[in-house]
Amino acid sequence: MTGRDILSVAVKAADEKKAENIVALNMQGISLVADYFMICHGNSEKQVQAIAREIKEKAEEHQIPVKRLEGFDEAKWILVDLGDVVAHVFHKDDREYYDLERLWGDAPLENLESDLGA
């Protein structure tokens, strides 16, 4: 399974739990950590946890190893490490504060239309 395939699984899982403003940064050649960063947010701690849980469960269903899951209890910024893809699930206020899209502004946005059914 390619990094793009893993990204698709994560994006669809986040979308199923009504994650907002789902974006993916193509980190290839920019970061050694992962090929893609998926960033999204929820509007409550419960929703943030539900999004992260769904990403984890869908990854496991597709035999994608979940290397780490951090920040689940606090539900302000949950990181789901899927190897080639790192999913960042924020609480809305924390997403605005950390602003990863600006921090990694040199990374091109990945087109997610086919993953979101738009």
PDB file of N, CA and C in Angstrom:
ATOM      1  N   MET A   1       0.845  -1.177   0.000  1.00  0.00           N
ATOM      2  CA  MET A   1       0.000   0.000   0.000  1.00  0.00           C
ATOM      3  C   MET A   1       0.891   1.241   0.000  1.00  0.00           C
ATOM      4  N   THR A   2       0.621   2.155  -0.917  1.00  0.00           N
ATOM      5  CA  THR A   2       1.441   3.361  -1.036  1.00  0.00           C
ATOM      6  C   THR A   2       1.052   4.382   0.029  1.00  0.00           C
ATOM      7  N   GLY A   3       1.902   5.376   0.196  1.00  0.00           N
ATOM      8  CA  GLY A   3       1.589   6.465   1.105  1.00  0.00           C
ATOM      9  C   GLY A   3       0.293   7.166   0.720  1.00  0.00           C
ATOM     10  N   ARG A   4       0.078   7.308  -0.590  1.00  0.00           N
ATOM     11  CA  ARG A   4      -1.161   7.966  -1.059  1.00  0.00           C
ATOM     12  C   ARG A   4      -2.383   7.127  -0.707  1.00  0.00           C
ATOM     13  N   ASP A   5      -2.256   5.794  -0.778  1.00  0.00           N
ATOM     14  CA  ASP A   5      -3.357   4.900  -0.393  1.00  0.00           C
ATOM     15  C   ASP A   5      -3.670   5.033   1.096  1.00  0.00           C
ATOM     16  N   ILE A   6      -2.625   5.103   1.904  1.00  0.00           N
ATOM     17  CA  ILE A   6      -2.796   5.260   3.351  1.00  0.00           C
ATOM     18  C   ILE A   6      -3.469   6.609   3.639  1.00  0.00           C
ATOM     19  N   LEU A   7      -3.039   7.650   2.933  1.00  0.00           N
ATOM     20  CA  LEU A   7      -3.657   8.963   3.088  1.00  0.00           C
ATOM     21  C   LEU A   7      -5.148   8.895   2.786  1.00  0.00           C
ATOM     22  N   SER A   8      -5.500   8.197   1.735  1.00  0.00           N
ATOM     23  CA  SER A   8      -6.900   8.066   1.347  1.00  0.00           C
ATOM     24  C   SER A   8      -7.730   7.405   2.455  1.00  0.00           C
ATOM     25  N   VAL A   9      -7.193   6.360   3.064  1.00  0.00           N
ATOM     26  CA  VAL A   9      -7.882   5.681   4.167  1.00  0.00           C
ATOM     27  C   VAL A   9      -8.096   6.653   5.327  1.00  0.00           C
ATOM     28  N   ALA A  10      -7.064   7.412   5.672  1.00  0.00           N
ATOM     29  CA  ALA A  10      -7.154   8.356   6.794  1.00  0.00           C
ATOM     30  C   ALA A  10      -8.155   9.473   6.505  1.00  0.00           C
ATOM     31  N   VAL A  11      -8.119  10.009   5.293  1.00  0.00           N
ATOM     32  CA  VAL A  11      -9.020  11.106   4.921  1.00  0.00           C
ATOM     33  C   VAL A  11     -10.466  10.635   4.959  1.00  0.00           C
ATOM     34  N   LYS A  12     -10.737   9.472   4.403  1.00  0.00           N
ATOM     35  CA  LYS A  12     -12.111   8.948   4.397  1.00  0.00           C
ATOM     36  C   LYS A  12     -12.606   8.679   5.814  1.00  0.00           C
ATOM     37  N   ALA A  13     -11.727   8.171   6.670  1.00  0.00           N
ATOM     38  CA  ALA A  13     -12.106   7.913   8.061  1.00  0.00           C
ATOM     39  C   ALA A  13     -12.439   9.218   8.779  1.00  0.00           C
ATOM     40  N   ALA A  14     -11.610  10.229   8.588  1.00  0.00           N
ATOM     41  CA  ALA A  14     -11.862  11.532   9.220  1.00  0.00           C
ATOM     42  C   ALA A  14     -13.167  12.135   8.714  1.00  0.00           C
ATOM     43  N   ASP A  15     -13.391  12.011   7.419  1.00  0.00           N
ATOM     44  CA  ASP A  15     -14.607  12.551   6.814  1.00  0.00           C
ATOM     45  C   ASP A  15     -15.855  11.861   7.363  1.00  0.00           C
ATOM     46  N   GLU A  16     -15.759  10.561   7.616  1.00  0.00           N
ATOM     47  CA  GLU A  16     -16.900   9.807   8.163  1.00  0.00           C
ATOM     48  C   GLU A  16     -17.332  10.344   9.522  1.00  0.00           C
ATOM     49  N   LYS A  17     -16.394  10.893  10.272  1.00  0.00           N
ATOM     50  CA  LYS A  17     -16.703  11.439  11.601  1.00  0.00           C
ATOM     51  C   LYS A  17     -16.873  12.953  11.561  1.00  0.00           C
ATOM     52  N   LYS A  18     -17.129  13.467  10.362  1.00  0.00           N
ATOM     53  CA  LYS A  18     -17.439  14.886  10.163  1.00  0.00           C
ATOM     54  C   LYS A  18     -16.303  15.827  10.572  1.00  0.00           C
ATOM     55  N   ALA A  19     -15.056  15.385  10.351  1.00  0.00           N
ATOM     56  CA  ALA A  19     -13.915  16.266  10.576  1.00  0.00           C
ATOM     57  C   ALA A  19     -14.055  17.479   9.658  1.00  0.00           C
ATOM     58  N   GLU A  20     -13.592  18.607  10.117  1.00  0.00           N
ATOM     59  CA  GLU A  20     -13.707  19.834   9.334  1.00  0.00           C
ATOM     60  C   GLU A  20     -12.372  20.240   8.739  1.00  0.00           C
ATOM     61  N   ASN A  21     -12.461  20.898   7.586  1.00  0.00           N
ATOM     62  CA  ASN A  21     -11.300  21.463   6.882  1.00  0.00           C
ATOM     63  C   ASN A  21     -10.164  20.446   6.774  1.00  0.00           C
ATOM     64  N   ILE A  22     -10.454  19.320   6.165  1.00  0.00           N
ATOM     65  CA  ILE A  22      -9.449  18.269   5.983  1.00  0.00           C
ATOM     66  C   ILE A  22      -8.513  18.683   4.848  1.00  0.00           C
ATOM     67  N   VAL A  23      -7.224  18.757   5.166  1.00  0.00           N
ATOM     68  CA  VAL A  23      -6.220  19.054   4.156  1.00  0.00           C
ATOM     69  C   VAL A  23      -5.075  18.061   4.292  1.00  0.00           C
ATOM     70  N   ALA A  24      -4.349  17.892   3.217  1.00  0.00           N
ATOM     71  CA  ALA A  24      -3.163  17.022   3.251  1.00  0.00           C
ATOM     72  C   ALA A  24      -2.012  17.774   2.610  1.00  0.00           C
ATOM     73  N   LEU A  25      -0.896  17.764   3.299  1.00  0.00           N
ATOM     74  CA  LEU A  25       0.322  18.371   2.781  1.00  0.00           C
ATOM     75  C   LEU A  25       1.224  17.272   2.243  1.00  0.00           C
ATOM     76  N   ASN A  26       1.709  17.454   1.037  1.00  0.00           N
ATOM     77  CA  ASN A  26       2.643  16.501   0.449  1.00  0.00           C
ATOM     78  C   ASN A  26       4.036  16.853   0.964  1.00  0.00           C
ATOM     79  N   MET A  27       4.547  16.025   1.859  1.00  0.00           N
ATOM     80  CA  MET A  27       5.809  16.312   2.546  1.00  0.00           C
ATOM     81  C   MET A  27       7.010  15.640   1.881  1.00  0.00           C
ATOM     82  N   GLN A  28       6.805  14.984   0.743  1.00  0.00           N
ATOM     83  CA  GLN A  28       7.899  14.291   0.065  1.00  0.00           C
ATOM     84  C   GLN A  28       8.967  15.301  -0.340  1.00  0.00           C
ATOM     85  N   GLY A  29      10.190  15.028   0.077  1.00  0.00           N
ATOM     86  CA  GLY A  29      11.298  15.912  -0.214  1.00  0.00           C
ATOM     87  C   GLY A  29      11.406  17.094   0.735  1.00  0.00           C
ATOM     88  N   ILE A  30      10.475  17.209   1.675  1.00  0.00           N
ATOM     89  CA  ILE A  30      10.470  18.320   2.632  1.00  0.00           C
ATOM     90  C   ILE A  30      10.767  17.821   4.040  1.00  0.00           C
ATOM     91  N   SER A  31      10.152  16.693   4.388  1.00  0.00           N
ATOM     92  CA  SER A  31      10.319  16.138   5.731  1.00  0.00           C
ATOM     93  C   SER A  31      10.696  14.668   5.640  1.00  0.00           C
ATOM     94  N   LEU A  32      11.560  14.241   6.527  1.00  0.00           N
ATOM     95  CA  LEU A  32      11.921  12.828   6.587  1.00  0.00           C
ATOM     96  C   LEU A  32      10.943  12.036   7.450  1.00  0.00           C
ATOM     97  N   VAL A  33      10.057  12.729   8.151  1.00  0.00           N
ATOM     98  CA  VAL A  33       9.121  12.094   9.079  1.00  0.00           C
ATOM     99  C   VAL A  33       8.061  11.281   8.346  1.00  0.00           C
ATOM    100  N   ALA A  34       7.480  11.858   7.288  1.00  0.00           N
ATOM    101  CA  ALA A  34       6.384  11.196   6.573  1.00  0.00           C
ATOM    102  C   ALA A  34       6.256  11.781   5.173  1.00  0.00           C
ATOM    103  N   ASP A  35       5.574  11.052   4.302  1.00  0.00           N
ATOM    104  CA  ASP A  35       5.305  11.546   2.950  1.00  0.00           C
ATOM    105  C   ASP A  35       4.141  12.530   2.921  1.00  0.00           C
ATOM    106  N   TYR A  36       3.182  12.340   3.853  1.00  0.00           N
ATOM    107  CA  TYR A  36       2.000  13.202   3.899  1.00  0.00           C
ATOM    108  C   TYR A  36       1.656  13.546   5.346  1.00  0.00           C
ATOM    109  N   PHE A  37       1.225  14.770   5.558  1.00  0.00           N
ATOM    110  CA  PHE A  37       0.596  15.179   6.809  1.00  0.00           C
ATOM    111  C   PHE A  37      -0.868  15.442   6.481  1.00  0.00           C
ATOM    112  N   MET A  38      -1.761  14.754   7.160  1.00  0.00           N
ATOM    113  CA  MET A  38      -3.179  15.056   7.050  1.00  0.00           C
ATOM    114  C   MET A  38      -3.546  15.886   8.266  1.00  0.00           C
ATOM    115  N   ILE A  39      -4.252  16.977   8.044  1.00  0.00           N
ATOM    116  CA  ILE A  39      -4.625  17.882   9.123  1.00  0.00           C
ATOM    117  C   ILE A  39      -6.135  18.097   9.056  1.00  0.00           C
ATOM    118  N   CYS A  40      -6.783  18.001  10.206  1.00  0.00           N
ATOM    119  CA  CYS A  40      -8.209  18.263  10.284  1.00  0.00           C
ATOM    120  C   CYS A  40      -8.538  18.688  11.706  1.00  0.00           C
ATOM    121  N   HIS A  41      -9.799  19.057  11.931  1.00  0.00           N
ATOM    122  CA  HIS A  41     -10.185  19.397  13.298  1.00  0.00           C
ATOM    123  C   HIS A  41     -11.628  19.013  13.577  1.00  0.00           C
ATOM    124  N   GLY A  42     -11.894  18.918  14.875  1.00  0.00           N
ATOM    125  CA  GLY A  42     -13.243  18.710  15.379  1.00  0.00           C
ATOM    126  C   GLY A  42     -13.581  19.866  16.298  1.00  0.00           C
ATOM    127  N   ASN A  43     -14.853  19.987  16.640  1.00  0.00           N
ATOM    128  CA  ASN A  43     -15.308  21.127  17.422  1.00  0.00           C
ATOM    129  C   ASN A  43     -15.488  20.828  18.903  1.00  0.00           C
ATOM    130  N   SER A  44     -15.237  19.585  19.309  1.00  0.00           N
ATOM    131  CA  SER A  44     -15.318  19.220  20.724  1.00  0.00           C
ATOM    132  C   SER A  44     -14.284  18.131  20.994  1.00  0.00           C
ATOM    133  N   GLU A  45     -13.952  17.951  22.253  1.00  0.00           N
ATOM    134  CA  GLU A  45     -12.989  16.906  22.603  1.00  0.00           C
ATOM    135  C   GLU A  45     -13.508  15.532  22.202  1.00  0.00           C
ATOM    136  N   LYS A  46     -14.798  15.297  22.389  1.00  0.00           N
ATOM    137  CA  LYS A  46     -15.388  13.998  22.010  1.00  0.00           C
ATOM    138  C   LYS A  46     -15.274  13.763  20.516  1.00  0.00           C
ATOM    139  N   GLN A  47     -15.519  14.789  19.717  1.00  0.00           N
ATOM    140  CA  GLN A  47     -15.416  14.632  18.263  1.00  0.00           C
ATOM    141  C   GLN A  47     -13.976  14.396  17.843  1.00  0.00           C
ATOM    142  N   VAL A  48     -13.039  15.108  18.446  1.00  0.00           N
ATOM    143  CA  VAL A  48     -11.616  14.924  18.135  1.00  0.00           C
ATOM    144  C   VAL A  48     -11.223  13.474  18.412  1.00  0.00           C
ATOM    145  N   GLN A  49     -11.654  12.941  19.554  1.00  0.00           N
ATOM    146  CA  GLN A  49     -11.353  11.550  19.889  1.00  0.00           C
ATOM    147  C   GLN A  49     -12.023  10.584  18.917  1.00  0.00           C
ATOM    148  N   ALA A  50     -13.255  10.873  18.524  1.00  0.00           N
ATOM    149  CA  ALA A  50     -13.973   9.998  17.584  1.00  0.00           C
ATOM    150  C   ALA A  50     -13.266   9.960  16.229  1.00  0.00           C
ATOM    151  N   ILE A  51     -12.779  11.098  15.770  1.00  0.00           N
ATOM    152  CA  ILE A  51     -12.058  11.158  14.492  1.00  0.00           C
ATOM    153  C   ILE A  51     -10.789  10.320  14.576  1.00  0.00           C
ATOM    154  N   ALA A  52     -10.002  10.529  15.626  1.00  0.00           N
ATOM    155  CA  ALA A  52      -8.748   9.782  15.780  1.00  0.00           C
ATOM    156  C   ALA A  52      -9.015   8.287  15.912  1.00  0.00           C
ATOM    157  N   ARG A  53     -10.041   7.921  16.669  1.00  0.00           N
ATOM    158  CA  ARG A  53     -10.390   6.502  16.845  1.00  0.00           C
ATOM    159  C   ARG A  53     -10.772   5.873  15.505  1.00  0.00           C
ATOM    160  N   GLU A  54     -11.536   6.605  14.693  1.00  0.00           N
ATOM    161  CA  GLU A  54     -11.961   6.093  13.382  1.00  0.00           C
ATOM    162  C   GLU A  54     -10.761   5.908  12.455  1.00  0.00           C
ATOM    163  N   ILE A  55      -9.829   6.855  12.471  1.00  0.00           N
ATOM    164  CA  ILE A  55      -8.618   6.720  11.648  1.00  0.00           C
ATOM    165  C   ILE A  55      -7.847   5.472  12.067  1.00  0.00           C
ATOM    166  N   LYS A  56      -7.680   5.290  13.366  1.00  0.00           N
ATOM    167  CA  LYS A  56      -6.969   4.115  13.889  1.00  0.00           C
ATOM    168  C   LYS A  56      -7.665   2.818  13.478  1.00  0.00           C
ATOM    169  N   GLU A  57      -8.987   2.760  13.666  1.00  0.00           N
ATOM    170  CA  GLU A  57      -9.740   1.541  13.343  1.00  0.00           C
ATOM    171  C   GLU A  57      -9.708   1.231  11.856  1.00  0.00           C
ATOM    172  N   LYS A  58      -9.889   2.241  11.010  1.00  0.00           N
ATOM    173  CA  LYS A  58      -9.859   2.014   9.552  1.00  0.00           C
ATOM    174  C   LYS A  58      -8.465   1.586   9.101  1.00  0.00           C
ATOM    175  N   ALA A  59      -7.441   2.173   9.699  1.00  0.00           N
ATOM    176  CA  ALA A  59      -6.072   1.769   9.360  1.00  0.00           C
ATOM    177  C   ALA A  59      -5.869   0.298   9.695  1.00  0.00           C
ATOM    178  N   GLU A  60      -6.290  -0.107  10.874  1.00  0.00           N
ATOM    179  CA  GLU A  60      -6.131  -1.506  11.285  1.00  0.00           C
ATOM    180  C   GLU A  60      -6.920  -2.449  10.382  1.00  0.00           C
ATOM    181  N   GLU A  61      -8.121  -2.032   9.952  1.00  0.00           N
ATOM    182  CA  GLU A  61      -8.921  -2.844   9.026  1.00  0.00           C
ATOM    183  C   GLU A  61      -8.179  -3.064   7.705  1.00  0.00           C
ATOM    184  N   HIS A  62      -7.377  -2.091   7.303  1.00  0.00           N
ATOM    185  CA  HIS A  62      -6.609  -2.180   6.050  1.00  0.00           C
ATOM    186  C   HIS A  62      -5.188  -2.697   6.273  1.00  0.00           C
ATOM    187  N   GLN A  63      -4.928  -3.253   7.456  1.00  0.00           N
ATOM    188  CA  GLN A  63      -3.596  -3.780   7.821  1.00  0.00           C
ATOM    189  C   GLN A  63      -2.495  -2.728   7.736  1.00  0.00           C
ATOM    190  N   ILE A  64      -2.860  -1.489   8.055  1.00  0.00           N
ATOM    191  CA  ILE A  64      -1.880  -0.406   8.120  1.00  0.00           C
ATOM    192  C   ILE A  64      -1.450  -0.301   9.582  1.00  0.00           C
ATOM    193  N   PRO A  65      -0.177  -0.506   9.873  1.00  0.00           N
ATOM    194  CA  PRO A  65       0.247  -0.430  11.272  1.00  0.00           C
ATOM    195  C   PRO A  65       0.146   0.992  11.830  1.00  0.00           C
ATOM    196  N   VAL A  66      -0.419   1.092  13.020  1.00  0.00           N
ATOM    197  CA  VAL A  66      -0.476   2.369  13.725  1.00  0.00           C
ATOM    198  C   VAL A  66       0.746   2.399  14.640  1.00  0.00           C
ATOM    199  N   LYS A  67       1.725   3.211  14.257  1.00  0.00           N
ATOM    200  CA  LYS A  67       2.996   3.232  14.990  1.00  0.00           C
ATOM    201  C   LYS A  67       2.868   3.942  16.330  1.00  0.00           C
ATOM    202  N   ARG A  68       2.104   5.036  16.360  1.00  0.00           N
ATOM    203  CA  ARG A  68       1.893   5.785  17.604  1.00  0.00           C
ATOM    204  C   ARG A  68       0.555   6.495  17.553  1.00  0.00           C
ATOM    205  N   LEU A  69      -0.018   6.661  18.729  1.00  0.00           N
ATOM    206  CA  LEU A  69      -1.222   7.471  18.900  1.00  0.00           C
ATOM    207  C   LEU A  69      -0.961   8.322  20.137  1.00  0.00           C
ATOM    208  N   GLU A  70      -0.808   9.613  19.955  1.00  0.00           N
ATOM    209  CA  GLU A  70      -0.444  10.495  21.058  1.00  0.00           C
ATOM    210  C   GLU A  70      -1.484  11.584  21.248  1.00  0.00           C
ATOM    211  N   GLY A  71      -1.711  11.952  22.512  1.00  0.00           N
ATOM    212  CA  GLY A  71      -2.592  13.066  22.832  1.00  0.00           C
ATOM    213  C   GLY A  71      -4.058  12.712  22.930  1.00  0.00           C
ATOM    214  N   PHE A  72      -4.391  11.415  22.943  1.00  0.00           N
ATOM    215  CA  PHE A  72      -5.793  11.003  22.897  1.00  0.00           C
ATOM    216  C   PHE A  72      -6.575  11.490  24.115  1.00  0.00           C
ATOM    217  N   ASP A  73      -6.020  11.334  25.303  1.00  0.00           N
ATOM    218  CA  ASP A  73      -6.751  11.688  26.520  1.00  0.00           C
ATOM    219  C   ASP A  73      -7.053  13.183  26.607  1.00  0.00           C
ATOM    220  N   GLU A  74      -6.088  14.008  26.198  1.00  0.00           N
ATOM    221  CA  GLU A  74      -6.295  15.453  26.261  1.00  0.00           C
ATOM    222  C   GLU A  74      -7.217  15.939  25.147  1.00  0.00           C
ATOM    223  N   ALA A  75      -7.163  15.282  23.994  1.00  0.00           N
ATOM    224  CA  ALA A  75      -8.027  15.570  22.838  1.00  0.00           C
ATOM    225  C   ALA A  75      -7.932  17.022  22.361  1.00  0.00           C
ATOM    226  N   LYS A  76      -6.744  17.585  22.454  1.00  0.00           N
ATOM    227  CA  LYS A  76      -6.505  18.922  21.902  1.00  0.00           C
ATOM    228  C   LYS A  76      -5.761  18.831  20.575  1.00  0.00           C
ATOM    229  N   TRP A  77      -4.815  17.885  20.520  1.00  0.00           N
ATOM    230  CA  TRP A  77      -4.042  17.619  19.304  1.00  0.00           C
ATOM    231  C   TRP A  77      -3.665  16.148  19.366  1.00  0.00           C
ATOM    232  N   ILE A  78      -4.349  15.334  18.593  1.00  0.00           N
ATOM    233  CA  ILE A  78      -4.061  13.903  18.566  1.00  0.00           C
ATOM    234  C   ILE A  78      -3.255  13.607  17.311  1.00  0.00           C
ATOM    235  N   LEU A  79      -2.150  12.941  17.505  1.00  0.00           N
ATOM    236  CA  LEU A  79      -1.284  12.559  16.406  1.00  0.00           C
ATOM    237  C   LEU A  79      -1.442  11.055  16.185  1.00  0.00           C
ATOM    238  N   VAL A  80      -1.782  10.671  14.957  1.00  0.00           N
ATOM    239  CA  VAL A  80      -1.902   9.266  14.591  1.00  0.00           C
ATOM    240  C   VAL A  80      -0.817   8.993  13.548  1.00  0.00           C
ATOM    241  N   ASP A  81       0.200   8.230  13.949  1.00  0.00           N
ATOM    242  CA  ASP A  81       1.345   7.948  13.079  1.00  0.00           C
ATOM    243  C   ASP A  81       1.092   6.646  12.333  1.00  0.00           C
ATOM    244  N   LEU A  82       0.881   6.778  11.019  1.00  0.00           N
ATOM    245  CA  LEU A  82       0.630   5.620  10.152  1.00  0.00           C
ATOM    246  C   LEU A  82       1.831   5.346   9.251  1.00  0.00           C
ATOM    247  N   GLY A  83       2.999   5.762   9.677  1.00  0.00           N
ATOM    248  CA  GLY A  83       4.208   5.542   8.877  1.00  0.00           C
ATOM    249  C   GLY A  83       4.383   6.625   7.833  1.00  0.00           C
ATOM    250  N   ASP A  84       3.983   6.345   6.598  1.00  0.00           N
ATOM    251  CA  ASP A  84       4.126   7.318   5.515  1.00  0.00           C
ATOM    252  C   ASP A  84       3.170   8.499   5.653  1.00  0.00           C
ATOM    253  N   VAL A  85       2.180   8.354   6.530  1.00  0.00           N
ATOM    254  CA  VAL A  85       1.189   9.407   6.757  1.00  0.00           C
ATOM    255  C   VAL A  85       1.103   9.684   8.255  1.00  0.00           C
ATOM    256  N   VAL A  86       1.154  10.958   8.612  1.00  0.00           N
ATOM    257  CA  VAL A  86       0.904  11.352   9.994  1.00  0.00           C
ATOM    258  C   VAL A  86      -0.362  12.200   9.986  1.00  0.00           C
ATOM    259  N   ALA A  87      -1.379  11.716  10.714  1.00  0.00           N
ATOM    260  CA  ALA A  87      -2.646  12.441  10.817  1.00  0.00           C
ATOM    261  C   ALA A  87      -2.619  13.305  12.069  1.00  0.00           C
ATOM    262  N   HIS A  88      -2.915  14.585  11.888  1.00  0.00           N
ATOM    263  CA  HIS A  88      -2.986  15.537  12.991  1.00  0.00           C
ATOM    264  C   HIS A  88      -4.454  15.917  13.163  1.00  0.00           C
ATOM    265  N   VAL A  89      -5.045  15.483  14.268  1.00  0.00           N
ATOM    266  CA  VAL A  89      -6.450  15.763  14.538  1.00  0.00           C
ATOM    267  C   VAL A  89      -6.502  16.775  15.683  1.00  0.00           C
ATOM    268  N   PHE A  90      -6.905  17.978  15.358  1.00  0.00           N
ATOM    269  CA  PHE A  90      -6.894  19.074  16.319  1.00  0.00           C
ATOM    270  C   PHE A  90      -8.287  19.383  16.845  1.00  0.00           C
ATOM    271  N   HIS A  91      -8.324  19.973  18.026  1.00  0.00           N
ATOM    272  CA  HIS A  91      -9.497  20.712  18.470  1.00  0.00           C
ATOM    273  C   HIS A  91      -9.407  22.031  17.716  1.00  0.00           C
ATOM    274  N   LYS A  92     -10.531  22.586  17.318  1.00  0.00           N
ATOM    275  CA  LYS A  92     -10.537  23.772  16.445  1.00  0.00           C
ATOM    276  C   LYS A  92      -9.612  24.889  16.947  1.00  0.00           C
ATOM    277  N   ASP A  93      -9.702  25.231  18.228  1.00  0.00           N
ATOM    278  CA  ASP A  93      -8.899  26.338  18.768  1.00  0.00           C
ATOM    279  C   ASP A  93      -7.401  26.040  18.681  1.00  0.00           C
ATOM    280  N   ASP A  94      -7.035  24.797  18.941  1.00  0.00           N
ATOM    281  CA  ASP A  94      -5.619  24.425  18.904  1.00  0.00           C
ATOM    282  C   ASP A  94      -5.093  24.394  17.473  1.00  0.00           C
ATOM    283  N   ARG A  95      -5.938  24.037  16.532  1.00  0.00           N
ATOM    284  CA  ARG A  95      -5.501  24.057  15.131  1.00  0.00           C
ATOM    285  C   ARG A  95      -5.132  25.470  14.714  1.00  0.00           C
ATOM    286  N   GLU A  96      -5.957  26.424  15.080  1.00  0.00           N
ATOM    287  CA  GLU A  96      -5.678  27.816  14.732  1.00  0.00           C
ATOM    288  C   GLU A  96      -4.389  28.294  15.402  1.00  0.00           C
ATOM    289  N   TYR A  97      -4.160  27.859  16.633  1.00  0.00           N
ATOM    290  CA  TYR A  97      -2.974  28.284  17.370  1.00  0.00           C
ATOM    291  C   TYR A  97      -1.692  27.736  16.744  1.00  0.00           C
ATOM    292  N   TYR A  98      -1.666  26.426  16.459  1.00  0.00           N
ATOM    293  CA  TYR A  98      -0.443  25.807  15.934  1.00  0.00           C
ATOM    294  C   TYR A  98      -0.241  26.054  14.439  1.00  0.00           C
ATOM    295  N   ASP A  99      -1.316  26.194  13.688  1.00  0.00           N
ATOM    296  CA  ASP A  99      -1.281  26.583  12.276  1.00  0.00           C
ATOM    297  C   ASP A  99      -0.209  25.838  11.465  1.00  0.00           C
ATOM    298  N   LEU A 100      -0.313  24.509  11.457  1.00  0.00           N
ATOM    299  CA  LEU A 100       0.679  23.694  10.744  1.00  0.00           C
ATOM    300  C   LEU A 100       0.733  23.997   9.257  1.00  0.00           C
ATOM    301  N   GLU A 101      -0.406  24.387   8.685  1.00  0.00           N
ATOM    302  CA  GLU A 101      -0.419  24.700   7.261  1.00  0.00           C
ATOM    303  C   GLU A 101       0.531  25.858   6.947  1.00  0.00           C
ATOM    304  N   ARG A 102       0.596  26.844   7.830  1.00  0.00           N
ATOM    305  CA  ARG A 102       1.512  27.961   7.626  1.00  0.00           C
ATOM    306  C   ARG A 102       2.946  27.537   7.940  1.00  0.00           C
ATOM    307  N   LEU A 103       3.110  26.770   9.016  1.00  0.00           N
ATOM    308  CA  LEU A 103       4.439  26.302   9.406  1.00  0.00           C
ATOM    309  C   LEU A 103       5.101  25.519   8.277  1.00  0.00           C
ATOM    310  N   TRP A 104       4.320  24.661   7.611  1.00  0.00           N
ATOM    311  CA  TRP A 104       4.818  23.849   6.500  1.00  0.00           C
ATOM    312  C   TRP A 104       4.323  24.424   5.180  1.00  0.00           C
ATOM    313  N   GLY A 105       4.327  25.746   5.074  1.00  0.00           N
ATOM    314  CA  GLY A 105       3.782  26.432   3.908  1.00  0.00           C
ATOM    315  C   GLY A 105       4.462  26.101   2.592  1.00  0.00           C
ATOM    316  N   ASP A 106       5.685  25.560   2.638  1.00  0.00           N
ATOM    317  CA  ASP A 106       6.363  25.199   1.395  1.00  0.00           C
ATOM    318  C   ASP A 106       5.916  23.832   0.868  1.00  0.00           C
ATOM    319  N   ALA A 107       5.082  23.138   1.634  1.00  0.00           N
ATOM    320  CA  ALA A 107       4.581  21.823   1.196  1.00  0.00           C
ATOM    321  C   ALA A 107       3.329  22.011   0.351  1.00  0.00           C
ATOM    322  N   PRO A 108       3.290  21.398  -0.836  1.00  0.00           N
ATOM    323  CA  PRO A 108       2.096  21.539  -1.679  1.00  0.00           C
ATOM    324  C   PRO A 108       0.905  20.793  -1.080  1.00  0.00           C
ATOM    325  N   LEU A 109      -0.289  21.337  -1.305  1.00  0.00           N
ATOM    326  CA  LEU A 109      -1.515  20.677  -0.878  1.00  0.00           C
ATOM    327  C   LEU A 109      -1.818  19.522  -1.823  1.00  0.00           C
ATOM    328  N   GLU A 110      -2.271  18.432  -1.241  1.00  0.00           N
ATOM    329  CA  GLU A 110      -2.667  17.256  -2.027  1.00  0.00           C
ATOM    330  C   GLU A 110      -4.153  17.407  -2.371  1.00  0.00           C
ATOM    331  N   ASN A 111      -4.533  17.057  -3.587  1.00  0.00           N
ATOM    332  CA  ASN A 111      -5.924  17.113  -4.000  1.00  0.00           C
ATOM    333  C   ASN A 111      -6.689  15.951  -3.354  1.00  0.00           C
ATOM    334  N   LEU A 112      -7.712  16.267  -2.561  1.00  0.00           N
ATOM    335  CA  LEU A 112      -8.466  15.243  -1.832  1.00  0.00           C
ATOM    336  C   LEU A 112      -9.881  15.050  -2.352  1.00  0.00           C
ATOM    337  N   GLU A 113     -10.198  15.665  -3.487  1.00  0.00           N
ATOM    338  CA  GLU A 113     -11.568  15.591  -4.000  1.00  0.00           C
ATOM    339  C   GLU A 113     -12.089  14.175  -4.126  1.00  0.00           C
ATOM    340  N   SER A 114     -11.292  13.273  -4.678  1.00  0.00           N
ATOM    341  CA  SER A 114     -11.763  11.904  -4.872  1.00  0.00           C
ATOM    342  C   SER A 114     -11.939  11.178  -3.538  1.00  0.00           C
ATOM    343  N   ASP A 115     -11.167  11.562  -2.525  1.00  0.00           N
ATOM    344  CA  ASP A 115     -11.279  10.937  -1.212  1.00  0.00           C
ATOM    345  C   ASP A 115     -12.482  11.442  -0.435  1.00  0.00           C
ATOM    346  N   LEU A 116     -12.874  12.676  -0.700  1.00  0.00           N
ATOM    347  CA  LEU A 116     -13.969  13.285   0.026  1.00  0.00           C
ATOM    348  C   LEU A 116     -15.282  13.168  -0.728  1.00  0.00           C
ATOM    349  N   GLY A 117     -15.235  12.636  -1.924  1.00  0.00           N
ATOM    350  CA  GLY A 117     -16.458  12.483  -2.705  1.00  0.00           C
ATOM    351  C   GLY A 117     -17.027  13.815  -3.165  1.00  0.00           C
ATOM    352  N   ALA A 118     -16.165  14.823  -3.255  1.00  0.00           N
ATOM    353  CA  ALA A 118     -16.646  16.156  -3.677  1.00  0.00           C
ATOM    354  C   ALA A 118     -16.790  16.226  -5.174  1.00  0.00           C
TER     355      ALA A 118
END
